Amino acid sequence: MSITKDDWKRVYAQLLAEGRKRLGPPPTAEEVEALFEGRLSGKDADRVRELLAYYPEMARVWFTPFPSEEEAAGILTPEELAEDISKIRRRINRIRLMRKLKPVFWALAVASATLLVWLVLRLL
């Protein structure tokens, strides 16, 4: 019997879920920072390390280097992000408005064409 990668993933997810249920919520960012800076007592450090074993994404975030200015050049500031989201919403609203008004434009076009035909026929 061979164990597939999916089997390992399933077992790993189950172990994480059981550990999280047993230990409770993840450590706070302040606790993780204090652990990596050596500011926790032995008992607290052990508790945070055990939590990190079941919340590995927190340790990964801590060890992920902050982007340099060159790397961050393409990252939007909160203001730029808000401005872009606002532009996208305005564009979506314009499209929605055009979809709502499309039948009105067609009705006006048909009415105008009918009126034009009626005027031409009347003049003849």
PDB file of N, CA and C in Angstrom:
ATOM      1  N   MET A   1       0.851  -1.173   0.000  1.00  0.00           N
ATOM      2  CA  MET A   1       0.000   0.000   0.000  1.00  0.00           C
ATOM      3  C   MET A   1       0.898   1.238   0.000  1.00  0.00           C
ATOM      4  N   SER A   2       0.648   2.125  -0.945  1.00  0.00           N
ATOM      5  CA  SER A   2       1.451   3.338  -1.000  1.00  0.00           C
ATOM      6  C   SER A   2       0.629   4.531  -0.487  1.00  0.00           C
ATOM      7  N   ILE A   3       1.351   5.469   0.080  1.00  0.00           N
ATOM      8  CA  ILE A   3       0.704   6.669   0.607  1.00  0.00           C
ATOM      9  C   ILE A   3       0.893   7.779  -0.418  1.00  0.00           C
ATOM     10  N   THR A   4      -0.201   8.384  -0.812  1.00  0.00           N
ATOM     11  CA  THR A   4      -0.138   9.444  -1.813  1.00  0.00           C
ATOM     12  C   THR A   4       0.087  10.796  -1.139  1.00  0.00           C
ATOM     13  N   LYS A   5       0.409  11.766  -1.942  1.00  0.00           N
ATOM     14  CA  LYS A   5       0.605  13.119  -1.436  1.00  0.00           C
ATOM     15  C   LYS A   5      -0.693  13.658  -0.830  1.00  0.00           C
ATOM     16  N   ASP A   6      -1.810  13.315  -1.443  1.00  0.00           N
ATOM     17  CA  ASP A   6      -3.108  13.734  -0.902  1.00  0.00           C
ATOM     18  C   ASP A   6      -3.364  13.124   0.477  1.00  0.00           C
ATOM     19  N   ASP A   7      -2.930  11.876   0.672  1.00  0.00           N
ATOM     20  CA  ASP A   7      -3.070  11.237   1.984  1.00  0.00           C
ATOM     21  C   ASP A   7      -2.277  12.014   3.034  1.00  0.00           C
ATOM     22  N   TRP A   8      -1.039  12.380   2.686  1.00  0.00           N
ATOM     23  CA  TRP A   8      -0.209  13.148   3.620  1.00  0.00           C
ATOM     24  C   TRP A   8      -0.849  14.502   3.924  1.00  0.00           C
ATOM     25  N   LYS A   9      -1.380  15.152   2.905  1.00  0.00           N
ATOM     26  CA  LYS A   9      -2.019  16.455   3.119  1.00  0.00           C
ATOM     27  C   LYS A   9      -3.229  16.328   4.043  1.00  0.00           C
ATOM     28  N   ARG A  10      -3.999  15.273   3.851  1.00  0.00           N
ATOM     29  CA  ARG A  10      -5.183  15.045   4.669  1.00  0.00           C
ATOM     30  C   ARG A  10      -4.797  14.805   6.128  1.00  0.00           C
ATOM     31  N   VAL A  11      -3.778  13.973   6.345  1.00  0.00           N
ATOM     32  CA  VAL A  11      -3.322  13.676   7.706  1.00  0.00           C
ATOM     33  C   VAL A  11      -2.759  14.944   8.350  1.00  0.00           C
ATOM     34  N   TYR A  12      -1.982  15.703   7.598  1.00  0.00           N
ATOM     35  CA  TYR A  12      -1.400  16.948   8.115  1.00  0.00           C
ATOM     36  C   TYR A  12      -2.513  17.923   8.521  1.00  0.00           C
ATOM     37  N   ALA A  13      -3.520  18.087   7.667  1.00  0.00           N
ATOM     38  CA  ALA A  13      -4.634  18.987   7.976  1.00  0.00           C
ATOM     39  C   ALA A  13      -5.376  18.505   9.217  1.00  0.00           C
ATOM     40  N   GLN A  14      -5.542  17.193   9.346  1.00  0.00           N
ATOM     41  CA  GLN A  14      -6.229  16.630  10.514  1.00  0.00           C
ATOM     42  C   GLN A  14      -5.416  16.887  11.783  1.00  0.00           C
ATOM     43  N   LEU A  15      -4.096  16.699  11.718  1.00  0.00           N
ATOM     44  CA  LEU A  15      -3.247  16.954  12.885  1.00  0.00           C
ATOM     45  C   LEU A  15      -3.299  18.425  13.293  1.00  0.00           C
ATOM     46  N   LEU A  16      -3.255  19.321  12.314  1.00  0.00           N
ATOM     47  CA  LEU A  16      -3.349  20.749  12.623  1.00  0.00           C
ATOM     48  C   LEU A  16      -4.687  21.070  13.280  1.00  0.00           C
ATOM     49  N   ALA A  17      -5.758  20.535  12.736  1.00  0.00           N
ATOM     50  CA  ALA A  17      -7.095  20.806  13.277  1.00  0.00           C
ATOM     51  C   ALA A  17      -7.217  20.296  14.716  1.00  0.00           C
ATOM     52  N   GLU A  18      -6.706  19.088  14.970  1.00  0.00           N
ATOM     53  CA  GLU A  18      -6.773  18.538  16.325  1.00  0.00           C
ATOM     54  C   GLU A  18      -5.945  19.370  17.305  1.00  0.00           C
ATOM     55  N   GLY A  19      -4.744  19.754  16.881  1.00  0.00           N
ATOM     56  CA  GLY A  19      -3.886  20.571  17.747  1.00  0.00           C
ATOM     57  C   GLY A  19      -4.483  21.938  18.016  1.00  0.00           C
ATOM     58  N   ARG A  20      -5.066  22.542  16.988  1.00  0.00           N
ATOM     59  CA  ARG A  20      -5.701  23.853  17.161  1.00  0.00           C
ATOM     60  C   ARG A  20      -6.891  23.764  18.109  1.00  0.00           C
ATOM     61  N   LYS A  21      -7.645  22.688  17.982  1.00  0.00           N
ATOM     62  CA  LYS A  21      -8.801  22.511  18.861  1.00  0.00           C
ATOM     63  C   LYS A  21      -8.339  22.335  20.305  1.00  0.00           C
ATOM     64  N   ARG A  22      -7.270  21.581  20.490  1.00  0.00           N
ATOM     65  CA  ARG A  22      -6.758  21.300  21.827  1.00  0.00           C
ATOM     66  C   ARG A  22      -6.120  22.539  22.458  1.00  0.00           C
ATOM     67  N   LEU A  23      -5.352  23.305  21.683  1.00  0.00           N
ATOM     68  CA  LEU A  23      -4.590  24.427  22.242  1.00  0.00           C
ATOM     69  C   LEU A  23      -5.325  25.761  22.190  1.00  0.00           C
ATOM     70  N   GLY A  24      -6.279  25.896  21.293  1.00  0.00           N
ATOM     71  CA  GLY A  24      -7.014  27.148  21.206  1.00  0.00           C
ATOM     72  C   GLY A  24      -6.485  28.064  20.112  1.00  0.00           C
ATOM     73  N   PRO A  25      -6.788  29.361  20.234  1.00  0.00           N
ATOM     74  CA  PRO A  25      -6.448  30.305  19.170  1.00  0.00           C
ATOM     75  C   PRO A  25      -4.935  30.479  19.010  1.00  0.00           C
ATOM     76  N   PRO A  26      -4.523  31.011  17.873  1.00  0.00           N
ATOM     77  CA  PRO A  26      -3.090  31.187  17.623  1.00  0.00           C
ATOM     78  C   PRO A  26      -2.484  32.239  18.549  1.00  0.00           C
ATOM     79  N   PRO A  27      -1.154  32.245  18.637  1.00  0.00           N
ATOM     80  CA  PRO A  27      -0.520  33.279  19.443  1.00  0.00           C
ATOM     81  C   PRO A  27      -0.726  34.637  18.786  1.00  0.00           C
ATOM     82  N   THR A  28      -0.659  35.683  19.588  1.00  0.00           N
ATOM     83  CA  THR A  28      -0.808  37.026  19.026  1.00  0.00           C
ATOM     84  C   THR A  28       0.481  37.406  18.315  1.00  0.00           C
ATOM     85  N   ALA A  29       0.404  38.420  17.483  1.00  0.00           N
ATOM     86  CA  ALA A  29       1.606  38.908  16.787  1.00  0.00           C
ATOM     87  C   ALA A  29       2.646  39.369  17.797  1.00  0.00           C
ATOM     88  N   GLU A  30       2.187  39.968  18.887  1.00  0.00           N
ATOM     89  CA  GLU A  30       3.110  40.444  19.924  1.00  0.00           C
ATOM     90  C   GLU A  30       3.840  39.274  20.585  1.00  0.00           C
ATOM     91  N   GLU A  31       3.119  38.158  20.821  1.00  0.00           N
ATOM     92  CA  GLU A  31       3.742  36.978  21.417  1.00  0.00           C
ATOM     93  C   GLU A  31       4.792  36.384  20.482  1.00  0.00           C
ATOM     94  N   VAL A  32       4.471  36.321  19.187  1.00  0.00           N
ATOM     95  CA  VAL A  32       5.426  35.771  18.211  1.00  0.00           C
ATOM     96  C   VAL A  32       6.658  36.669  18.148  1.00  0.00           C
ATOM     97  N   GLU A  33       6.442  37.965  18.118  1.00  0.00           N
ATOM     98  CA  GLU A  33       7.561  38.908  18.084  1.00  0.00           C
ATOM     99  C   GLU A  33       8.431  38.740  19.333  1.00  0.00           C
ATOM    100  N   ALA A  34       7.798  38.657  20.499  1.00  0.00           N
ATOM    101  CA  ALA A  34       8.546  38.498  21.746  1.00  0.00           C
ATOM    102  C   ALA A  34       9.330  37.190  21.750  1.00  0.00           C
ATOM    103  N   LEU A  35       8.747  36.114  21.212  1.00  0.00           N
ATOM    104  CA  LEU A  35       9.446  34.831  21.144  1.00  0.00           C
ATOM    105  C   LEU A  35      10.708  34.956  20.305  1.00  0.00           C
ATOM    106  N   PHE A  36      10.573  35.530  19.101  1.00  0.00           N
ATOM    107  CA  PHE A  36      11.720  35.603  18.202  1.00  0.00           C
ATOM    108  C   PHE A  36      12.757  36.627  18.656  1.00  0.00           C
ATOM    109  N   GLU A  37      12.362  37.521  19.526  1.00  0.00           N
ATOM    110  CA  GLU A  37      13.321  38.491  20.072  1.00  0.00           C
ATOM    111  C   GLU A  37      13.857  38.032  21.421  1.00  0.00           C
ATOM    112  N   GLY A  38      13.412  36.850  21.904  1.00  0.00           N
ATOM    113  CA  GLY A  38      13.927  36.287  23.143  1.00  0.00           C
ATOM    114  C   GLY A  38      13.422  36.968  24.401  1.00  0.00           C
ATOM    115  N   ARG A  39      12.248  37.562  24.341  1.00  0.00           N
ATOM    116  CA  ARG A  39      11.718  38.288  25.495  1.00  0.00           C
ATOM    117  C   ARG A  39      10.709  37.482  26.309  1.00  0.00           C
ATOM    118  N   LEU A  40      10.496  36.202  25.988  1.00  0.00           N
ATOM    119  CA  LEU A  40       9.522  35.392  26.732  1.00  0.00           C
ATOM    120  C   LEU A  40      10.237  34.490  27.733  1.00  0.00           C
ATOM    121  N   SER A  41       9.552  34.222  28.846  1.00  0.00           N
ATOM    122  CA  SER A  41      10.077  33.269  29.826  1.00  0.00           C
ATOM    123  C   SER A  41      10.042  31.876  29.205  1.00  0.00           C
ATOM    124  N   GLY A  42      10.721  30.928  29.810  1.00  0.00           N
ATOM    125  CA  GLY A  42      10.803  29.573  29.273  1.00  0.00           C
ATOM    126  C   GLY A  42       9.444  28.936  29.058  1.00  0.00           C
ATOM    127  N   LYS A  43       8.545  29.061  30.052  1.00  0.00           N
ATOM    128  CA  LYS A  43       7.216  28.452  29.956  1.00  0.00           C
ATOM    129  C   LYS A  43       6.395  29.107  28.843  1.00  0.00           C
ATOM    130  N   ASP A  44       6.414  30.443  28.795  1.00  0.00           N
ATOM    131  CA  ASP A  44       5.667  31.153  27.741  1.00  0.00           C
ATOM    132  C   ASP A  44       6.249  30.871  26.365  1.00  0.00           C
ATOM    133  N   ALA A  45       7.568  30.815  26.275  1.00  0.00           N
ATOM    134  CA  ALA A  45       8.218  30.522  24.993  1.00  0.00           C
ATOM    135  C   ALA A  45       7.816  29.132  24.497  1.00  0.00           C
ATOM    136  N   ASP A  46       7.781  28.152  25.414  1.00  0.00           N
ATOM    137  CA  ASP A  46       7.368  26.790  25.034  1.00  0.00           C
ATOM    138  C   ASP A  46       5.926  26.777  24.550  1.00  0.00           C
ATOM    139  N   ARG A  47       5.056  27.522  25.233  1.00  0.00           N
ATOM    140  CA  ARG A  47       3.642  27.576  24.846  1.00  0.00           C
ATOM    141  C   ARG A  47       3.491  28.178  23.447  1.00  0.00           C
ATOM    142  N   VAL A  48       4.205  29.279  23.172  1.00  0.00           N
ATOM    143  CA  VAL A  48       4.103  29.928  21.859  1.00  0.00           C
ATOM    144  C   VAL A  48       4.703  29.027  20.779  1.00  0.00           C
ATOM    145  N   ARG A  49       5.818  28.348  21.069  1.00  0.00           N
ATOM    146  CA  ARG A  49       6.404  27.421  20.098  1.00  0.00           C
ATOM    147  C   ARG A  49       5.430  26.295  19.752  1.00  0.00           C
ATOM    148  N   GLU A  50       4.755  25.769  20.776  1.00  0.00           N
ATOM    149  CA  GLU A  50       3.785  24.707  20.529  1.00  0.00           C
ATOM    150  C   GLU A  50       2.633  25.225  19.669  1.00  0.00           C
ATOM    151  N   LEU A  51       2.167  26.433  19.971  1.00  0.00           N
ATOM    152  CA  LEU A  51       1.105  27.021  19.145  1.00  0.00           C
ATOM    153  C   LEU A  51       1.575  27.196  17.707  1.00  0.00           C
ATOM    154  N   LEU A  52       2.805  27.657  17.528  1.00  0.00           N
ATOM    155  CA  LEU A  52       3.321  27.868  16.167  1.00  0.00           C
ATOM    156  C   LEU A  52       3.426  26.553  15.395  1.00  0.00           C
ATOM    157  N   ALA A  53       3.597  25.446  16.120  1.00  0.00           N
ATOM    158  CA  ALA A  53       3.626  24.145  15.440  1.00  0.00           C
ATOM    159  C   ALA A  53       2.285  23.859  14.773  1.00  0.00           C
ATOM    160  N   TYR A  54       1.196  24.375  15.355  1.00  0.00           N
ATOM    161  CA  TYR A  54      -0.137  24.155  14.809  1.00  0.00           C
ATOM    162  C   TYR A  54      -0.652  25.347  14.010  1.00  0.00           C
ATOM    163  N   TYR A  55       0.071  26.447  14.019  1.00  0.00           N
ATOM    164  CA  TYR A  55      -0.241  27.632  13.218  1.00  0.00           C
ATOM    165  C   TYR A  55       1.036  28.052  12.472  1.00  0.00           C
ATOM    166  N   PRO A  56       1.555  27.168  11.590  1.00  0.00           N
ATOM    167  CA  PRO A  56       2.843  27.435  10.942  1.00  0.00           C
ATOM    168  C   PRO A  56       2.845  28.685  10.063  1.00  0.00           C
ATOM    169  N   GLU A  57       1.664  29.101   9.588  1.00  0.00           N
ATOM    170  CA  GLU A  57       1.620  30.284   8.735  1.00  0.00           C
ATOM    171  C   GLU A  57       2.099  31.530   9.477  1.00  0.00           C
ATOM    172  N   MET A  58       1.921  31.557  10.796  1.00  0.00           N
ATOM    173  CA  MET A  58       2.376  32.708  11.576  1.00  0.00           C
ATOM    174  C   MET A  58       3.893  32.774  11.608  1.00  0.00           C
ATOM    175  N   ALA A  59       4.541  31.636  11.737  1.00  0.00           N
ATOM    176  CA  ALA A  59       6.003  31.608  11.729  1.00  0.00           C
ATOM    177  C   ALA A  59       6.528  31.979  10.340  1.00  0.00           C
ATOM    178  N   ARG A  60       5.844  31.498   9.294  1.00  0.00           N
ATOM    179  CA  ARG A  60       6.266  31.824   7.924  1.00  0.00           C
ATOM    180  C   ARG A  60       6.216  33.323   7.686  1.00  0.00           C
ATOM    181  N   VAL A  61       5.144  33.960   8.165  1.00  0.00           N
ATOM    182  CA  VAL A  61       5.014  35.410   7.984  1.00  0.00           C
ATOM    183  C   VAL A  61       6.143  36.117   8.696  1.00  0.00           C
ATOM    184  N   TRP A  62       6.496  35.655   9.887  1.00  0.00           N
ATOM    185  CA  TRP A  62       7.555  36.302  10.646  1.00  0.00           C
ATOM    186  C   TRP A  62       8.894  36.193   9.917  1.00  0.00           C
ATOM    187  N   PHE A  63       9.143  35.030   9.288  1.00  0.00           N
ATOM    188  CA  PHE A  63      10.421  34.817   8.628  1.00  0.00           C
ATOM    189  C   PHE A  63      10.473  35.339   7.197  1.00  0.00           C
ATOM    190  N   THR A  64       9.345  35.733   6.649  1.00  0.00           N
ATOM    191  CA  THR A  64       9.327  36.276   5.294  1.00  0.00           C
ATOM    192  C   THR A  64       9.915  37.676   5.332  1.00  0.00           C
ATOM    193  N   PRO A  65      10.954  37.918   4.558  1.00  0.00           N
ATOM    194  CA  PRO A  65      11.587  39.242   4.610  1.00  0.00           C
ATOM    195  C   PRO A  65      10.650  40.327   4.078  1.00  0.00           C
ATOM    196  N   PHE A  66      10.751  41.480   4.693  1.00  0.00           N
ATOM    197  CA  PHE A  66       9.974  42.629   4.241  1.00  0.00           C
ATOM    198  C   PHE A  66      10.549  43.083   2.911  1.00  0.00           C
ATOM    199  N   PRO A  67       9.721  43.431   1.926  1.00  0.00           N
ATOM    200  CA  PRO A  67      10.262  43.795   0.608  1.00  0.00           C
ATOM    201  C   PRO A  67      11.095  45.075   0.670  1.00  0.00           C
ATOM    202  N   SER A  68      12.148  45.077  -0.126  1.00  0.00           N
ATOM    203  CA  SER A  68      12.980  46.283  -0.223  1.00  0.00           C
ATOM    204  C   SER A  68      12.210  47.353  -0.993  1.00  0.00           C
ATOM    205  N   GLU A  69      12.771  48.545  -1.059  1.00  0.00           N
ATOM    206  CA  GLU A  69      12.089  49.630  -1.780  1.00  0.00           C
ATOM    207  C   GLU A  69      11.915  49.277  -3.250  1.00  0.00           C
ATOM    208  N   GLU A  70      12.928  48.611  -3.832  1.00  0.00           N
ATOM    209  CA  GLU A  70      12.827  48.221  -5.244  1.00  0.00           C
ATOM    210  C   GLU A  70      11.714  47.183  -5.432  1.00  0.00           C
ATOM    211  N   GLU A  71      11.647  46.223  -4.515  1.00  0.00           N
ATOM    212  CA  GLU A  71      10.617  45.186  -4.599  1.00  0.00           C
ATOM    213  C   GLU A  71       9.239  45.760  -4.325  1.00  0.00           C
ATOM    214  N   ALA A  72       9.176  46.755  -3.450  1.00  0.00           N
ATOM    215  CA  ALA A  72       7.893  47.340  -3.068  1.00  0.00           C
ATOM    216  C   ALA A  72       7.409  48.384  -4.062  1.00  0.00           C
ATOM    217  N   ALA A  73       8.203  48.677  -5.076  1.00  0.00           N
ATOM    218  CA  ALA A  73       7.831  49.720  -6.039  1.00  0.00           C
ATOM    219  C   ALA A  73       6.503  49.409  -6.716  1.00  0.00           C
ATOM    220  N   GLY A  74       6.194  48.145  -6.925  1.00  0.00           N
ATOM    221  CA  GLY A  74       4.947  47.781  -7.590  1.00  0.00           C
ATOM    222  C   GLY A  74       3.788  47.544  -6.637  1.00  0.00           C
ATOM    223  N   ILE A  75       4.006  47.726  -5.340  1.00  0.00           N
ATOM    224  CA  ILE A  75       2.960  47.490  -4.350  1.00  0.00           C
ATOM    225  C   ILE A  75       2.172  48.774  -4.148  1.00  0.00           C
ATOM    226  N   LEU A  76       0.862  48.666  -4.184  1.00  0.00           N
ATOM    227  CA  LEU A  76       0.013  49.844  -4.024  1.00  0.00           C
ATOM    228  C   LEU A  76      -0.049  50.285  -2.571  1.00  0.00           C
ATOM    229  N   THR A  77      -0.052  51.598  -2.382  1.00  0.00           N
ATOM    230  CA  THR A  77      -0.283  52.137  -1.040  1.00  0.00           C
ATOM    231  C   THR A  77      -1.784  52.014  -0.758  1.00  0.00           C
ATOM    232  N   PRO A  78      -2.190  52.117   0.496  1.00  0.00           N
ATOM    233  CA  PRO A  78      -3.628  52.054   0.795  1.00  0.00           C
ATOM    234  C   PRO A  78      -4.425  53.128   0.042  1.00  0.00           C
ATOM    235  N   GLU A  79      -3.837  54.299  -0.131  1.00  0.00           N
ATOM    236  CA  GLU A  79      -4.536  55.367  -0.858  1.00  0.00           C
ATOM    237  C   GLU A  79      -4.702  55.009  -2.332  1.00  0.00           C
ATOM    238  N   GLU A  80      -3.632  54.465  -2.937  1.00  0.00           N
ATOM    239  CA  GLU A  80      -3.707  54.064  -4.342  1.00  0.00           C
ATOM    240  C   GLU A  80      -4.718  52.936  -4.529  1.00  0.00           C
ATOM    241  N   LEU A  81      -4.724  51.993  -3.597  1.00  0.00           N
ATOM    242  CA  LEU A  81      -5.670  50.890  -3.668  1.00  0.00           C
ATOM    243  C   LEU A  81      -7.103  51.404  -3.569  1.00  0.00           C
ATOM    244  N   ALA A  82      -7.353  52.323  -2.635  1.00  0.00           N
ATOM    245  CA  ALA A  82      -8.698  52.890  -2.482  1.00  0.00           C
ATOM    246  C   ALA A  82      -9.117  53.634  -3.746  1.00  0.00           C
ATOM    247  N   GLU A  83      -8.188  54.373  -4.355  1.00  0.00           N
ATOM    248  CA  GLU A  83      -8.488  55.107  -5.587  1.00  0.00           C
ATOM    249  C   GLU A  83      -8.814  54.143  -6.731  1.00  0.00           C
ATOM    250  N   ASP A  84      -8.030  53.067  -6.850  1.00  0.00           N
ATOM    251  CA  ASP A  84      -8.284  52.080  -7.905  1.00  0.00           C
ATOM    252  C   ASP A  84      -9.627  51.381  -7.701  1.00  0.00           C
ATOM    253  N   ILE A  85      -9.933  51.033  -6.477  1.00  0.00           N
ATOM    254  CA  ILE A  85     -11.222  50.389  -6.189  1.00  0.00           C
ATOM    255  C   ILE A  85     -12.361  51.337  -6.526  1.00  0.00           C
ATOM    256  N   SER A  86     -12.183  52.618  -6.205  1.00  0.00           N
ATOM    257  CA  SER A  86     -13.201  53.616  -6.520  1.00  0.00           C
ATOM    258  C   SER A  86     -13.407  53.717  -8.031  1.00  0.00           C
ATOM    259  N   LYS A  87     -12.335  53.716  -8.805  1.00  0.00           N
ATOM    260  CA  LYS A  87     -12.439  53.769 -10.266  1.00  0.00           C
ATOM    261  C   LYS A  87     -13.170  52.543 -10.805  1.00  0.00           C
ATOM    262  N   ILE A  88     -12.839  51.368 -10.267  1.00  0.00           N
ATOM    263  CA  ILE A  88     -13.492  50.138 -10.715  1.00  0.00           C
ATOM    264  C   ILE A  88     -14.983  50.189 -10.407  1.00  0.00           C
ATOM    265  N   ARG A  89     -15.333  50.666  -9.215  1.00  0.00           N
ATOM    266  CA  ARG A  89     -16.751  50.759  -8.854  1.00  0.00           C
ATOM    267  C   ARG A  89     -17.495  51.738  -9.757  1.00  0.00           C
ATOM    268  N   ARG A  90     -16.864  52.883 -10.075  1.00  0.00           N
ATOM    269  CA  ARG A  90     -17.510  53.854 -10.972  1.00  0.00           C
ATOM    270  C   ARG A  90     -17.736  53.229 -12.341  1.00  0.00           C
ATOM    271  N   ARG A  91     -16.758  52.497 -12.816  1.00  0.00           N
ATOM    272  CA  ARG A  91     -16.889  51.855 -14.133  1.00  0.00           C
ATOM    273  C   ARG A  91     -18.011  50.812 -14.114  1.00  0.00           C
ATOM    274  N   ILE A  92     -18.065  50.022 -13.059  1.00  0.00           N
ATOM    275  CA  ILE A  92     -19.133  49.021 -12.933  1.00  0.00           C
ATOM    276  C   ILE A  92     -20.494  49.703 -12.890  1.00  0.00           C
ATOM    277  N   ASN A  93     -20.593  50.811 -12.148  1.00  0.00           N
ATOM    278  CA  ASN A  93     -21.864  51.532 -12.054  1.00  0.00           C
ATOM    279  C   ASN A  93     -22.282  52.107 -13.405  1.00  0.00           C
ATOM    280  N   ARG A  94     -21.308  52.605 -14.188  1.00  0.00           N
ATOM    281  CA  ARG A  94     -21.618  53.112 -15.536  1.00  0.00           C
ATOM    282  C   ARG A  94     -22.164  52.002 -16.412  1.00  0.00           C
ATOM    283  N   ILE A  95     -21.527  50.841 -16.346  1.00  0.00           N
ATOM    284  CA  ILE A  95     -21.981  49.701 -17.152  1.00  0.00           C
ATOM    285  C   ILE A  95     -23.390  49.291 -16.737  1.00  0.00           C
ATOM    286  N   ARG A  96     -23.650  49.244 -15.425  1.00  0.00           N
ATOM    287  CA  ARG A  96     -24.988  48.902 -14.945  1.00  0.00           C
ATOM    288  C   ARG A  96     -26.015  49.915 -15.437  1.00  0.00           C
ATOM    289  N   LEU A  97     -25.660  51.201 -15.384  1.00  0.00           N
ATOM    290  CA  LEU A  97     -26.566  52.246 -15.844  1.00  0.00           C
ATOM    291  C   LEU A  97     -26.858  52.091 -17.334  1.00  0.00           C
ATOM    292  N   MET A  98     -25.828  51.814 -18.122  1.00  0.00           N
ATOM    293  CA  MET A  98     -26.029  51.633 -19.565  1.00  0.00           C
ATOM    294  C   MET A  98     -26.940  50.441 -19.840  1.00  0.00           C
ATOM    295  N   ARG A  99     -26.776  49.379 -19.069  1.00  0.00           N
ATOM    296  CA  ARG A  99     -27.638  48.203 -19.261  1.00  0.00           C
ATOM    297  C   ARG A  99     -29.084  48.532 -18.916  1.00  0.00           C
ATOM    298  N   LYS A 100     -29.265  49.360 -17.889  1.00  0.00           N
ATOM    299  CA  LYS A 100     -30.628  49.738 -17.506  1.00  0.00           C
ATOM    300  C   LYS A 100     -31.246  50.670 -18.541  1.00  0.00           C
ATOM    301  N   LEU A 101     -30.432  51.557 -19.121  1.00  0.00           N
ATOM    302  CA  LEU A 101     -30.958  52.544 -20.065  1.00  0.00           C
ATOM    303  C   LEU A 101     -31.064  52.026 -21.496  1.00  0.00           C
ATOM    304  N   LYS A 102     -30.474  50.905 -21.797  1.00  0.00           N
ATOM    305  CA  LYS A 102     -30.491  50.363 -23.156  1.00  0.00           C
ATOM    306  C   LYS A 102     -31.911  50.236 -23.703  1.00  0.00           C
ATOM    307  N   PRO A 103     -32.863  49.668 -22.973  1.00  0.00           N
ATOM    308  CA  PRO A 103     -34.235  49.586 -23.498  1.00  0.00           C
ATOM    309  C   PRO A 103     -34.847  50.957 -23.749  1.00  0.00           C
ATOM    310  N   VAL A 104     -34.494  51.935 -22.911  1.00  0.00           N
ATOM    311  CA  VAL A 104     -35.016  53.290 -23.091  1.00  0.00           C
ATOM    312  C   VAL A 104     -34.477  53.878 -24.394  1.00  0.00           C
ATOM    313  N   PHE A 105     -33.189  53.692 -24.655  1.00  0.00           N
ATOM    314  CA  PHE A 105     -32.608  54.194 -25.903  1.00  0.00           C
ATOM    315  C   PHE A 105     -33.263  53.553 -27.120  1.00  0.00           C
ATOM    316  N   TRP A 106     -33.503  52.240 -27.031  1.00  0.00           N
ATOM    317  CA  TRP A 106     -34.154  51.560 -28.149  1.00  0.00           C
ATOM    318  C   TRP A 106     -35.573  52.083 -28.351  1.00  0.00           C
ATOM    319  N   ALA A 107     -36.272  52.300 -27.274  1.00  0.00           N
ATOM    320  CA  ALA A 107     -37.639  52.826 -27.378  1.00  0.00           C
ATOM    321  C   ALA A 107     -37.625  54.214 -28.012  1.00  0.00           C
ATOM    322  N   LEU A 108     -36.673  55.057 -27.602  1.00  0.00           N
ATOM    323  CA  LEU A 108     -36.553  56.392 -28.200  1.00  0.00           C
ATOM    324  C   LEU A 108     -36.203  56.308 -29.684  1.00  0.00           C
ATOM    325  N   ALA A 109     -35.324  55.373 -30.030  1.00  0.00           N
ATOM    326  CA  ALA A 109     -34.938  55.211 -31.432  1.00  0.00           C
ATOM    327  C   ALA A 109     -36.127  54.765 -32.278  1.00  0.00           C
ATOM    328  N   VAL A 110     -36.896  53.819 -31.770  1.00  0.00           N
ATOM    329  CA  VAL A 110     -38.070  53.336 -32.501  1.00  0.00           C
ATOM    330  C   VAL A 110     -39.104  54.456 -32.624  1.00  0.00           C
ATOM    331  N   ALA A 111     -39.317  55.201 -31.536  1.00  0.00           N
ATOM    332  CA  ALA A 111     -40.283  56.301 -31.564  1.00  0.00           C
ATOM    333  C   ALA A 111     -39.840  57.381 -32.546  1.00  0.00           C
ATOM    334  N   SER A 112     -38.534  57.684 -32.550  1.00  0.00           N
ATOM    335  CA  SER A 112     -38.022  58.699 -33.483  1.00  0.00           C
ATOM    336  C   SER A 112     -38.181  58.241 -34.925  1.00  0.00           C
ATOM    337  N   ALA A 113     -37.864  56.978 -35.189  1.00  0.00           N
ATOM    338  CA  ALA A 113     -37.998  56.448 -36.543  1.00  0.00           C
ATOM    339  C   ALA A 113     -39.460  56.463 -36.976  1.00  0.00           C
ATOM    340  N   THR A 114     -40.345  56.091 -36.085  1.00  0.00           N
ATOM    341  CA  THR A 114     -41.785  56.095 -36.393  1.00  0.00           C
ATOM    342  C   THR A 114     -42.255  57.509 -36.695  1.00  0.00           C
ATOM    343  N   LEU A 115     -41.834  58.465 -35.881  1.00  0.00           N
ATOM    344  CA  LEU A 115     -42.201  59.863 -36.096  1.00  0.00           C
ATOM    345  C   LEU A 115     -41.654  60.372 -37.419  1.00  0.00           C
ATOM    346  N   LEU A 116     -40.430  60.027 -37.750  1.00  0.00           N
ATOM    347  CA  LEU A 116     -39.815  60.454 -39.004  1.00  0.00           C
ATOM    348  C   LEU A 116     -40.572  59.880 -40.200  1.00  0.00           C
ATOM    349  N   VAL A 117     -40.911  58.598 -40.132  1.00  0.00           N
ATOM    350  CA  VAL A 117     -41.672  57.972 -41.215  1.00  0.00           C
ATOM    351  C   VAL A 117     -43.035  58.646 -41.346  1.00  0.00           C
ATOM    352  N   TRP A 118     -43.679  58.908 -40.243  1.00  0.00           N
ATOM    353  CA  TRP A 118     -44.985  59.556 -40.257  1.00  0.00           C
ATOM    354  C   TRP A 118     -44.886  60.950 -40.888  1.00  0.00           C
ATOM    355  N   LEU A 119     -43.839  61.725 -40.527  1.00  0.00           N
ATOM    356  CA  LEU A 119     -43.668  63.064 -41.104  1.00  0.00           C
ATOM    357  C   LEU A 119     -43.411  63.001 -42.617  1.00  0.00           C
ATOM    358  N   VAL A 120     -42.552  62.057 -43.023  1.00  0.00           N
ATOM    359  CA  VAL A 120     -42.235  61.922 -44.449  1.00  0.00           C
ATOM    360  C   VAL A 120     -43.495  61.535 -45.220  1.00  0.00           C
ATOM    361  N   LEU A 121     -44.259  60.600 -44.729  1.00  0.00           N
ATOM    362  CA  LEU A 121     -45.484  60.175 -45.392  1.00  0.00           C
ATOM    363  C   LEU A 121     -46.525  61.311 -45.442  1.00  0.00           C
ATOM    364  N   ARG A 122     -46.539  62.097 -44.438  1.00  0.00           N
ATOM    365  CA  ARG A 122     -47.505  63.199 -44.374  1.00  0.00           C
ATOM    366  C   ARG A 122     -47.141  64.301 -45.376  1.00  0.00           C
ATOM    367  N   LEU A 123     -45.853  64.525 -45.576  1.00  0.00           N
ATOM    368  CA  LEU A 123     -45.405  65.546 -46.519  1.00  0.00           C
ATOM    369  C   LEU A 123     -45.590  65.117 -47.970  1.00  0.00           C
ATOM    370  N   LEU A 124     -45.640  63.849 -48.223  1.00  0.00           N
ATOM    371  CA  LEU A 124     -45.821  63.369 -49.585  1.00  0.00           C
ATOM    372  C   LEU A 124     -47.202  63.481 -50.012  1.00  0.00           C
TER     373      LEU A 124
END
